């Protein structure tokens, strides 16, 4: 009686190893992509946090401080819906918009991950502000200011941006002091 061999043949082993190598290659590619998109998501979340914190600071600032970008006289041409909050993504381009699309104010850049000695620069987020007044249609009185904070950052060779919107009421139009708690 002939004995049947136990184990795998060389052909079976080669086929099994090729299947494992193909599946492992797919797994490595998927892990690489997920880490890339994880970094992109983290940078976008950081940019939104910077934008929201700046909007919050401006919404509670003294009503008309030109240094903080609440002075609407600097560029009234960017008060249209097309330019105000950057729906066309002009701030995601290689250069900052000029002319009609130029921001009302440029705030100091924010660096995340920078050490105290500044030997490690960290991730840079550039902050721009557009402001437009909202007027009472019946009296023309300025009721407040809409604020758009646009944060620009670079990932590799590509510029990205995050936008946060806010509002600052006019204390004089509301008949209250500037320090009204919200």
N, C-alpha and C. Protein backbone atom coordinates (compact mmCIF):
# COMPACT_ATOMS: atom_id res chain seq x y z
N UNK A 1 0.83 -1.17 0.00
CA UNK A 1 0.00 0.00 0.00
C UNK A 1 0.88 1.25 0.00
N UNK A 2 0.55 2.16 -0.85
CA UNK A 2 1.35 3.38 -1.00
C UNK A 2 0.96 4.40 0.06
N UNK A 3 1.96 5.06 0.58
CA UNK A 3 1.69 6.09 1.59
C UNK A 3 1.52 7.43 0.92
N UNK A 4 0.55 8.16 1.40
CA UNK A 4 0.31 9.51 0.86
C UNK A 4 1.22 10.48 1.62
N UNK A 5 1.85 11.37 0.89
CA UNK A 5 2.77 12.33 1.50
C UNK A 5 1.99 13.38 2.28
N UNK A 6 2.49 13.71 3.43
CA UNK A 6 1.89 14.76 4.26
C UNK A 6 2.68 16.04 4.06
N UNK A 7 2.01 17.17 4.05
CA UNK A 7 2.68 18.46 3.89
C UNK A 7 2.30 19.12 2.58
N UNK A 8 3.02 20.18 2.28
CA UNK A 8 2.71 20.97 1.10
C UNK A 8 3.77 20.75 0.04
N UNK A 9 3.33 20.85 -1.18
CA UNK A 9 4.30 20.77 -2.26
C UNK A 9 4.91 22.14 -2.46
N UNK A 10 5.98 22.17 -3.19
CA UNK A 10 6.65 23.44 -3.47
C UNK A 10 5.72 24.40 -4.21
N UNK A 11 4.93 23.89 -5.14
CA UNK A 11 4.01 24.72 -5.91
C UNK A 11 2.94 25.35 -4.99
N UNK A 12 2.41 24.57 -4.08
CA UNK A 12 1.41 25.10 -3.14
C UNK A 12 2.00 26.20 -2.26
N UNK A 13 3.22 26.00 -1.84
CA UNK A 13 3.89 26.99 -0.99
C UNK A 13 4.15 28.29 -1.74
N UNK A 14 4.59 28.21 -2.99
CA UNK A 14 4.84 29.40 -3.80
C UNK A 14 3.54 30.17 -4.04
N UNK A 15 2.46 29.46 -4.32
CA UNK A 15 1.17 30.13 -4.55
C UNK A 15 0.70 30.82 -3.27
N UNK A 16 0.83 30.16 -2.14
CA UNK A 16 0.41 30.76 -0.86
C UNK A 16 1.25 32.00 -0.54
N UNK A 17 2.54 31.93 -0.74
CA UNK A 17 3.41 33.09 -0.47
C UNK A 17 3.10 34.25 -1.41
N UNK A 18 2.79 33.97 -2.67
CA UNK A 18 2.46 35.07 -3.59
C UNK A 18 1.14 35.73 -3.19
N UNK A 19 0.16 34.95 -2.74
CA UNK A 19 -1.10 35.53 -2.27
C UNK A 19 -0.89 36.40 -1.03
N UNK A 20 -0.07 35.93 -0.13
CA UNK A 20 0.23 36.70 1.08
C UNK A 20 0.97 37.99 0.72
N UNK A 21 1.92 37.93 -0.20
CA UNK A 21 2.68 39.14 -0.56
C UNK A 21 1.79 40.18 -1.25
N UNK A 22 0.85 39.73 -2.09
CA UNK A 22 -0.06 40.68 -2.74
C UNK A 22 -0.96 41.34 -1.71
N UNK A 23 -1.49 40.57 -0.78
CA UNK A 23 -2.36 41.17 0.24
C UNK A 23 -1.58 42.08 1.18
N UNK A 24 -0.36 41.75 1.51
CA UNK A 24 0.46 42.61 2.37
C UNK A 24 0.83 43.91 1.66
N UNK A 25 1.08 43.85 0.38
CA UNK A 25 1.36 45.07 -0.39
C UNK A 25 0.17 46.02 -0.33
N UNK A 26 -1.02 45.47 -0.51
CA UNK A 26 -2.23 46.30 -0.41
C UNK A 26 -2.39 46.90 0.98
N UNK A 27 -2.07 46.14 2.00
CA UNK A 27 -2.17 46.63 3.38
C UNK A 27 -1.17 47.76 3.65
N UNK A 28 0.04 47.62 3.16
CA UNK A 28 1.05 48.66 3.36
C UNK A 28 0.65 49.95 2.63
N UNK A 29 0.14 49.84 1.43
CA UNK A 29 -0.32 51.01 0.68
C UNK A 29 -1.46 51.70 1.41
N UNK A 30 -2.41 50.92 1.93
CA UNK A 30 -3.53 51.49 2.68
C UNK A 30 -3.06 52.20 3.94
N UNK A 31 -2.10 51.64 4.63
CA UNK A 31 -1.58 52.28 5.86
C UNK A 31 -0.86 53.58 5.53
N UNK A 32 -0.12 53.59 4.43
CA UNK A 32 0.56 54.82 4.02
C UNK A 32 -0.42 55.92 3.67
N UNK A 33 -1.48 55.58 2.97
CA UNK A 33 -2.50 56.56 2.61
C UNK A 33 -3.23 57.08 3.84
N UNK A 34 -3.53 56.19 4.77
CA UNK A 34 -4.25 56.64 5.96
C UNK A 34 -3.41 57.58 6.81
N UNK A 35 -2.12 57.36 6.89
CA UNK A 35 -1.28 58.29 7.66
C UNK A 35 -1.19 59.65 6.96
N UNK A 36 -1.16 59.64 5.63
CA UNK A 36 -1.13 60.90 4.88
C UNK A 36 -2.42 61.69 5.12
N UNK A 37 -3.57 61.02 5.00
CA UNK A 37 -4.83 61.71 5.19
C UNK A 37 -5.07 62.07 6.65
N UNK A 38 -4.50 61.31 7.56
CA UNK A 38 -4.57 61.67 8.98
C UNK A 38 -3.83 62.97 9.24
N UNK A 39 -2.67 63.14 8.63
CA UNK A 39 -1.90 64.39 8.78
C UNK A 39 -2.65 65.56 8.16
N UNK A 40 -3.27 65.34 7.00
CA UNK A 40 -4.06 66.40 6.37
C UNK A 40 -5.23 66.81 7.27
N UNK A 41 -5.90 65.84 7.85
CA UNK A 41 -7.04 66.12 8.72
C UNK A 41 -6.59 66.87 9.98
N UNK A 42 -5.44 66.49 10.52
CA UNK A 42 -4.92 67.18 11.71
C UNK A 42 -4.58 68.63 11.39
N UNK A 43 -3.95 68.88 10.24
CA UNK A 43 -3.61 70.25 9.86
C UNK A 43 -4.87 71.09 9.64
N UNK A 44 -5.90 70.50 8.99
CA UNK A 44 -7.15 71.23 8.77
C UNK A 44 -7.83 71.53 10.10
N UNK A 45 -7.84 70.58 11.01
CA UNK A 45 -8.44 70.80 12.33
C UNK A 45 -7.69 71.89 13.09
N UNK A 46 -6.38 71.90 13.00
CA UNK A 46 -5.59 72.94 13.66
C UNK A 46 -5.88 74.30 13.06
N UNK A 47 -5.97 74.38 11.72
CA UNK A 47 -6.28 75.65 11.06
C UNK A 47 -7.66 76.16 11.47
N UNK A 48 -8.64 75.27 11.57
CA UNK A 48 -9.98 75.69 12.01
C UNK A 48 -9.97 76.16 13.46
N UNK A 49 -9.18 75.52 14.30
CA UNK A 49 -9.07 75.95 15.69
C UNK A 49 -8.47 77.34 15.77
N UNK A 50 -7.43 77.59 14.99
CA UNK A 50 -6.81 78.93 14.95
C UNK A 50 -7.84 79.95 14.45
N UNK A 51 -8.55 79.64 13.38
CA UNK A 51 -9.54 80.58 12.82
C UNK A 51 -10.65 80.87 13.82
N UNK A 52 -11.17 79.84 14.45
CA UNK A 52 -12.26 80.05 15.42
C UNK A 52 -11.80 80.84 16.64
N UNK A 53 -10.58 80.59 17.11
CA UNK A 53 -10.10 81.35 18.27
C UNK A 53 -9.89 82.82 17.91
N UNK A 54 -9.44 83.11 16.69
CA UNK A 54 -9.27 84.49 16.27
C UNK A 54 -10.63 85.19 16.10
N UNK A 55 -11.62 84.47 15.54
CA UNK A 55 -12.96 85.04 15.41
C UNK A 55 -13.52 85.35 16.80
N UNK A 56 -13.33 84.44 17.73
CA UNK A 56 -13.83 84.66 19.09
C UNK A 56 -13.17 85.88 19.73
N UNK A 57 -11.87 86.02 19.55
CA UNK A 57 -11.17 87.19 20.10
C UNK A 57 -11.67 88.48 19.47
N UNK A 58 -11.87 88.49 18.15
CA UNK A 58 -12.34 89.69 17.46
C UNK A 58 -13.79 90.01 17.82
N UNK A 59 -14.61 88.99 18.04
CA UNK A 59 -16.01 89.21 18.39
C UNK A 59 -16.15 89.84 19.77
N UNK A 60 -15.13 89.70 20.61
CA UNK A 60 -15.18 90.28 21.95
C UNK A 60 -14.23 91.46 22.12
N UNK A 61 -13.60 91.90 21.05
CA UNK A 61 -12.67 93.02 21.12
C UNK A 61 -13.45 94.34 21.19
N UNK A 62 -12.75 95.40 21.53
CA UNK A 62 -13.34 96.73 21.47
C UNK A 62 -13.88 96.93 20.06
N UNK A 63 -14.98 97.67 19.94
CA UNK A 63 -15.72 97.67 18.68
C UNK A 63 -14.92 98.11 17.46
N UNK A 64 -14.14 99.14 17.53
CA UNK A 64 -13.50 99.62 16.31
C UNK A 64 -11.98 99.71 16.41
N UNK A 65 -11.29 98.63 16.78
CA UNK A 65 -9.82 98.72 16.80
C UNK A 65 -9.22 98.38 15.44
N UNK A 66 -8.67 99.36 14.75
CA UNK A 66 -8.11 99.06 13.42
C UNK A 66 -7.02 97.99 13.47
N UNK A 67 -6.27 97.89 14.56
CA UNK A 67 -5.20 96.91 14.62
C UNK A 67 -5.73 95.47 14.60
N UNK A 68 -6.95 95.26 15.03
CA UNK A 68 -7.50 93.91 15.04
C UNK A 68 -8.33 93.60 13.80
N UNK A 69 -8.43 94.50 12.87
CA UNK A 69 -9.12 94.20 11.63
C UNK A 69 -10.60 94.52 11.65
N UNK A 70 -11.09 95.19 12.69
CA UNK A 70 -12.50 95.53 12.72
C UNK A 70 -12.78 96.88 12.07
N UNK A 71 -11.76 97.52 11.58
CA UNK A 71 -11.93 98.79 10.88
C UNK A 71 -12.30 98.47 9.43
N UNK A 72 -13.52 98.79 9.03
CA UNK A 72 -13.98 98.43 7.69
C UNK A 72 -13.55 99.41 6.61
N UNK A 73 -12.78 100.41 6.96
CA UNK A 73 -12.37 101.39 5.95
C UNK A 73 -11.17 100.93 5.14
N UNK A 74 -10.50 99.85 5.55
CA UNK A 74 -9.26 99.48 4.87
C UNK A 74 -9.49 98.93 3.47
N UNK A 75 -10.53 98.13 3.24
CA UNK A 75 -10.79 97.61 1.90
C UNK A 75 -12.28 97.27 1.79
N UNK A 76 -13.05 98.24 1.39
CA UNK A 76 -14.50 98.02 1.29
C UNK A 76 -14.87 97.20 0.06
N UNK A 77 -13.93 97.00 -0.87
CA UNK A 77 -14.23 96.25 -2.08
C UNK A 77 -14.35 94.74 -1.83
N UNK A 78 -13.81 94.25 -0.71
CA UNK A 78 -13.90 92.81 -0.45
C UNK A 78 -15.14 92.45 0.38
N UNK A 79 -16.10 93.37 0.49
CA UNK A 79 -17.30 93.11 1.29
C UNK A 79 -18.38 92.35 0.53
N UNK A 80 -18.15 92.02 -0.74
CA UNK A 80 -19.15 91.25 -1.49
C UNK A 80 -19.08 89.79 -1.07
N UNK A 81 -20.15 89.05 -1.30
CA UNK A 81 -20.19 87.64 -0.92
C UNK A 81 -19.12 86.83 -1.64
N UNK A 82 -18.74 87.24 -2.83
CA UNK A 82 -17.75 86.51 -3.61
C UNK A 82 -16.35 86.64 -3.01
N UNK A 83 -16.05 87.76 -2.35
CA UNK A 83 -14.71 87.99 -1.82
C UNK A 83 -14.63 87.90 -0.30
N UNK A 84 -15.71 88.14 0.41
CA UNK A 84 -15.68 88.30 1.86
C UNK A 84 -15.11 87.08 2.60
N UNK A 85 -15.69 85.92 2.42
CA UNK A 85 -15.27 84.72 3.15
C UNK A 85 -14.51 83.74 2.25
N UNK A 86 -14.04 84.19 1.12
CA UNK A 86 -13.22 83.42 0.20
C UNK A 86 -13.89 82.13 -0.30
N UNK A 87 -15.14 82.20 -0.80
CA UNK A 87 -15.78 80.97 -1.29
C UNK A 87 -15.11 80.40 -2.53
N UNK A 88 -14.39 81.22 -3.28
CA UNK A 88 -13.73 80.73 -4.49
C UNK A 88 -12.36 80.14 -4.18
N UNK A 89 -11.90 80.21 -2.93
CA UNK A 89 -10.61 79.63 -2.56
C UNK A 89 -9.41 80.41 -3.01
N UNK A 90 -9.54 81.73 -3.15
CA UNK A 90 -8.41 82.55 -3.62
C UNK A 90 -7.23 82.50 -2.64
N UNK A 91 -7.51 82.34 -1.35
CA UNK A 91 -6.43 82.29 -0.36
C UNK A 91 -5.71 80.95 -0.36
N UNK A 92 -6.23 79.96 -1.08
CA UNK A 92 -5.56 78.68 -1.22
C UNK A 92 -4.60 78.67 -2.40
N UNK A 93 -4.45 79.82 -3.05
CA UNK A 93 -3.52 79.94 -4.17
C UNK A 93 -2.11 80.21 -3.68
N UNK A 94 -1.19 80.30 -4.61
CA UNK A 94 0.22 80.50 -4.28
C UNK A 94 0.49 81.89 -3.70
N UNK A 95 -0.32 82.89 -4.07
CA UNK A 95 -0.12 84.25 -3.57
C UNK A 95 -1.38 84.75 -2.87
N UNK A 96 -1.18 85.71 -2.01
CA UNK A 96 -2.29 86.33 -1.30
C UNK A 96 -3.04 87.23 -2.28
N UNK A 97 -4.38 87.23 -2.25
CA UNK A 97 -5.12 88.11 -3.15
C UNK A 97 -4.78 89.58 -2.91
N UNK A 98 -4.79 90.33 -3.99
CA UNK A 98 -4.53 91.77 -3.92
C UNK A 98 -5.72 92.49 -4.54
N UNK A 99 -5.68 93.79 -4.53
CA UNK A 99 -6.76 94.57 -5.14
C UNK A 99 -8.07 94.37 -4.41
N UNK A 100 -9.14 94.07 -5.15
CA UNK A 100 -10.46 93.89 -4.55
C UNK A 100 -10.50 92.76 -3.54
N UNK A 101 -9.69 91.73 -3.73
CA UNK A 101 -9.74 90.58 -2.84
C UNK A 101 -8.78 90.62 -1.68
N UNK A 102 -8.00 91.71 -1.57
CA UNK A 102 -7.01 91.80 -0.49
C UNK A 102 -7.71 91.79 0.87
N UNK A 103 -7.10 91.16 1.87
CA UNK A 103 -7.73 91.13 3.19
C UNK A 103 -7.71 92.51 3.85
N UNK A 104 -8.67 92.73 4.76
CA UNK A 104 -8.70 93.98 5.52
C UNK A 104 -7.54 94.08 6.49
N UNK A 105 -7.13 92.95 7.05
CA UNK A 105 -6.04 92.96 8.03
C UNK A 105 -5.28 91.65 7.95
N UNK A 106 -4.02 91.71 8.32
CA UNK A 106 -3.18 90.53 8.44
C UNK A 106 -2.75 90.44 9.89
N UNK A 107 -3.11 89.35 10.55
CA UNK A 107 -2.72 89.15 11.94
C UNK A 107 -1.41 88.36 11.98
N UNK A 108 -0.72 88.35 13.12
CA UNK A 108 0.54 87.59 13.20
C UNK A 108 0.31 86.10 12.92
N UNK A 109 1.28 85.48 12.28
CA UNK A 109 1.21 84.05 11.99
C UNK A 109 1.24 83.26 13.30
N UNK A 110 0.62 82.10 13.28
CA UNK A 110 0.60 81.21 14.44
C UNK A 110 1.49 80.01 14.09
N UNK A 111 2.35 79.64 15.03
CA UNK A 111 3.23 78.49 14.84
C UNK A 111 2.83 77.41 15.84
N UNK A 112 2.57 76.22 15.37
CA UNK A 112 2.21 75.10 16.22
C UNK A 112 3.36 74.11 16.19
N UNK A 113 3.81 73.69 17.36
CA UNK A 113 4.92 72.74 17.45
C UNK A 113 6.27 73.41 17.51
N UNK A 114 6.30 74.71 17.71
CA UNK A 114 7.57 75.43 17.78
C UNK A 114 8.10 75.36 19.20
N UNK A 115 9.40 75.12 19.36
CA UNK A 115 9.95 75.09 20.70
C UNK A 115 10.29 76.51 21.17
N UNK A 116 10.52 76.65 22.46
CA UNK A 116 10.73 77.98 23.03
C UNK A 116 11.98 78.66 22.49
N UNK A 117 12.99 77.91 22.13
CA UNK A 117 14.21 78.52 21.60
C UNK A 117 14.05 78.88 20.12
N UNK A 118 12.93 78.50 19.52
CA UNK A 118 12.63 78.74 18.11
C UNK A 118 13.60 78.05 17.16
N UNK A 119 14.32 77.05 17.68
CA UNK A 119 15.19 76.29 16.79
C UNK A 119 14.37 75.33 15.94
N UNK A 120 13.19 74.94 16.45
CA UNK A 120 12.25 74.16 15.66
C UNK A 120 11.11 75.11 15.30
N UNK A 121 10.95 75.38 14.01
CA UNK A 121 9.99 76.40 13.56
C UNK A 121 8.54 75.98 13.77
N UNK A 122 8.19 74.76 13.58
CA UNK A 122 6.81 74.32 13.73
C UNK A 122 6.00 74.57 12.47
N UNK A 123 4.72 74.23 12.55
CA UNK A 123 3.81 74.44 11.42
C UNK A 123 3.31 75.87 11.44
N UNK A 124 3.35 76.54 10.30
CA UNK A 124 2.96 77.95 10.22
C UNK A 124 1.55 78.08 9.66
N UNK A 125 0.75 78.92 10.34
CA UNK A 125 -0.61 79.24 9.92
C UNK A 125 -0.71 80.76 9.80
N UNK A 126 -0.92 81.27 8.57
CA UNK A 126 -1.04 82.71 8.33
C UNK A 126 -2.50 83.12 8.50
N UNK A 127 -2.73 84.24 9.19
CA UNK A 127 -4.09 84.64 9.56
C UNK A 127 -4.45 85.97 8.90
N UNK A 128 -5.59 85.98 8.19
CA UNK A 128 -6.09 87.17 7.52
C UNK A 128 -7.53 87.42 7.95
N UNK A 129 -7.94 88.70 7.92
CA UNK A 129 -9.28 89.06 8.38
C UNK A 129 -9.97 89.94 7.35
N UNK A 130 -11.22 89.61 7.05
CA UNK A 130 -12.10 90.48 6.27
C UNK A 130 -13.26 90.88 7.18
N UNK A 131 -13.64 92.13 7.10
CA UNK A 131 -14.73 92.66 7.94
C UNK A 131 -15.67 93.46 7.05
N UNK A 132 -16.97 93.30 7.29
CA UNK A 132 -17.93 94.14 6.57
C UNK A 132 -19.04 94.54 7.55
N UNK A 133 -19.48 95.79 7.42
CA UNK A 133 -20.53 96.28 8.32
C UNK A 133 -21.90 95.73 7.93
N UNK A 134 -22.75 95.61 8.93
CA UNK A 134 -24.16 95.30 8.67
C UNK A 134 -24.97 96.50 9.15
N UNK A 135 -25.73 97.07 8.24
CA UNK A 135 -26.47 98.28 8.54
C UNK A 135 -27.97 98.00 8.66
N UNK A 136 -28.63 98.78 9.51
CA UNK A 136 -30.08 98.73 9.61
C UNK A 136 -30.63 99.34 8.33
N UNK A 137 -31.43 98.62 7.55
CA UNK A 137 -31.90 99.15 6.27
C UNK A 137 -32.79 100.38 6.40
N UNK A 138 -33.49 100.52 7.52
CA UNK A 138 -34.39 101.67 7.65
C UNK A 138 -33.67 102.93 8.09
N UNK A 139 -32.65 102.81 8.94
CA UNK A 139 -31.96 104.01 9.44
C UNK A 139 -30.55 104.18 8.88
N UNK A 140 -29.98 103.10 8.36
CA UNK A 140 -28.60 103.18 7.88
C UNK A 140 -27.58 103.07 9.00
N UNK A 141 -28.03 102.90 10.23
CA UNK A 141 -27.12 102.78 11.38
C UNK A 141 -26.37 101.46 11.30
N UNK A 142 -25.08 101.51 11.59
CA UNK A 142 -24.29 100.29 11.59
C UNK A 142 -24.64 99.48 12.84
N UNK A 143 -25.22 98.30 12.63
CA UNK A 143 -25.65 97.45 13.74
C UNK A 143 -24.53 96.55 14.25
N UNK A 144 -23.56 96.28 13.41
CA UNK A 144 -22.45 95.42 13.81
C UNK A 144 -21.54 95.15 12.63
N UNK A 145 -20.62 94.20 12.84
CA UNK A 145 -19.68 93.85 11.79
C UNK A 145 -19.60 92.33 11.66
N UNK A 146 -19.66 91.86 10.43
CA UNK A 146 -19.41 90.46 10.16
C UNK A 146 -17.91 90.28 10.04
N UNK A 147 -17.41 89.18 10.56
CA UNK A 147 -15.97 88.93 10.56
C UNK A 147 -15.70 87.59 9.87
N UNK A 148 -14.77 87.59 8.94
CA UNK A 148 -14.30 86.35 8.32
C UNK A 148 -12.81 86.23 8.58
N UNK A 149 -12.42 85.19 9.28
CA UNK A 149 -11.00 84.92 9.52
C UNK A 149 -10.59 83.79 8.59
N UNK A 150 -9.57 84.05 7.79
CA UNK A 150 -9.07 83.08 6.82
C UNK A 150 -7.67 82.68 7.24
N UNK A 151 -7.48 81.41 7.48
CA UNK A 151 -6.18 80.88 7.91
C UNK A 151 -5.60 80.07 6.77
N UNK A 152 -4.41 80.46 6.34
CA UNK A 152 -3.70 79.80 5.24
C UNK A 152 -2.58 78.95 5.79
N UNK A 153 -2.38 77.78 5.21
CA UNK A 153 -1.26 76.93 5.61
C UNK A 153 -0.83 76.11 4.41
N UNK A 154 0.38 75.61 4.48
CA UNK A 154 0.95 74.90 3.34
C UNK A 154 1.20 73.44 3.72
N UNK A 155 0.78 72.55 2.82
CA UNK A 155 1.08 71.12 2.96
C UNK A 155 1.85 70.72 1.72
N UNK A 156 3.11 70.44 1.89
CA UNK A 156 3.96 70.15 0.74
C UNK A 156 4.07 71.39 -0.13
N UNK A 157 3.68 71.27 -1.38
CA UNK A 157 3.71 72.41 -2.30
C UNK A 157 2.35 73.07 -2.44
N UNK A 158 1.33 72.53 -1.77
CA UNK A 158 -0.03 73.02 -1.95
C UNK A 158 -0.48 73.89 -0.78
N UNK A 159 -1.09 75.03 -1.12
CA UNK A 159 -1.67 75.91 -0.11
C UNK A 159 -3.11 75.50 0.17
N UNK A 160 -3.48 75.53 1.43
CA UNK A 160 -4.84 75.20 1.86
C UNK A 160 -5.33 76.38 2.70
N UNK A 161 -6.64 76.40 3.00
CA UNK A 161 -7.15 77.45 3.87
C UNK A 161 -8.36 76.97 4.63
N UNK A 162 -8.57 77.59 5.77
CA UNK A 162 -9.74 77.34 6.60
C UNK A 162 -10.37 78.69 6.90
N UNK A 163 -11.71 78.74 6.96
CA UNK A 163 -12.42 80.00 7.16
C UNK A 163 -13.40 79.84 8.31
N UNK A 164 -13.40 80.82 9.21
CA UNK A 164 -14.38 80.87 10.30
C UNK A 164 -15.06 82.23 10.25
N UNK A 165 -16.36 82.24 10.51
CA UNK A 165 -17.14 83.48 10.47
C UNK A 165 -17.62 83.84 11.88
N UNK A 166 -17.73 85.15 12.12
CA UNK A 166 -18.23 85.63 13.40
C UNK A 166 -18.95 86.95 13.23
N UNK A 167 -19.42 87.49 14.34
CA UNK A 167 -20.16 88.75 14.32
C UNK A 167 -19.81 89.55 15.57
N UNK A 168 -19.68 90.86 15.42
CA UNK A 168 -19.46 91.77 16.54
C UNK A 168 -20.54 92.83 16.48
N UNK A 169 -21.37 92.87 17.52
CA UNK A 169 -22.45 93.85 17.55
C UNK A 169 -21.88 95.24 17.84
N UNK A 170 -22.61 96.28 17.43
CA UNK A 170 -22.22 97.66 17.69
C UNK A 170 -22.87 98.07 19.02
N UNK A 171 -22.09 98.26 20.06
CA UNK A 171 -22.67 98.59 21.36
C UNK A 171 -23.45 99.90 21.34
N UNK A 172 -23.01 100.86 20.52
CA UNK A 172 -23.71 102.15 20.46
C UNK A 172 -25.10 101.98 19.84
N UNK A 173 -25.21 101.14 18.83
CA UNK A 173 -26.51 100.91 18.20
C UNK A 173 -27.44 100.12 19.10
N UNK A 174 -26.85 99.28 19.96
CA UNK A 174 -27.65 98.47 20.87
C UNK A 174 -28.02 99.25 22.13
N UNK A 175 -27.34 100.38 22.35
CA UNK A 175 -27.61 101.19 23.52
C UNK A 175 -27.02 100.63 24.80
N UNK A 176 -25.90 99.93 24.67
CA UNK A 176 -25.25 99.34 25.84
C UNK A 176 -23.77 99.72 25.82
N UNK A 177 -23.14 99.49 26.94
CA UNK A 177 -21.71 99.75 27.02
C UNK A 177 -20.95 98.71 26.21
N UNK A 178 -19.72 99.01 25.88
CA UNK A 178 -18.90 98.13 25.06
C UNK A 178 -18.60 96.81 25.78
N UNK A 179 -18.66 96.80 27.08
CA UNK A 179 -18.30 95.59 27.83
C UNK A 179 -19.47 94.68 28.15
N UNK A 180 -20.53 94.72 27.36
CA UNK A 180 -21.68 93.86 27.62
C UNK A 180 -21.28 92.40 27.52
N UNK A 181 -21.52 91.63 28.60
CA UNK A 181 -21.16 90.20 28.53
C UNK A 181 -22.09 89.46 27.57
N UNK A 182 -21.51 88.54 26.84
CA UNK A 182 -22.31 87.77 25.88
C UNK A 182 -22.71 86.44 26.44
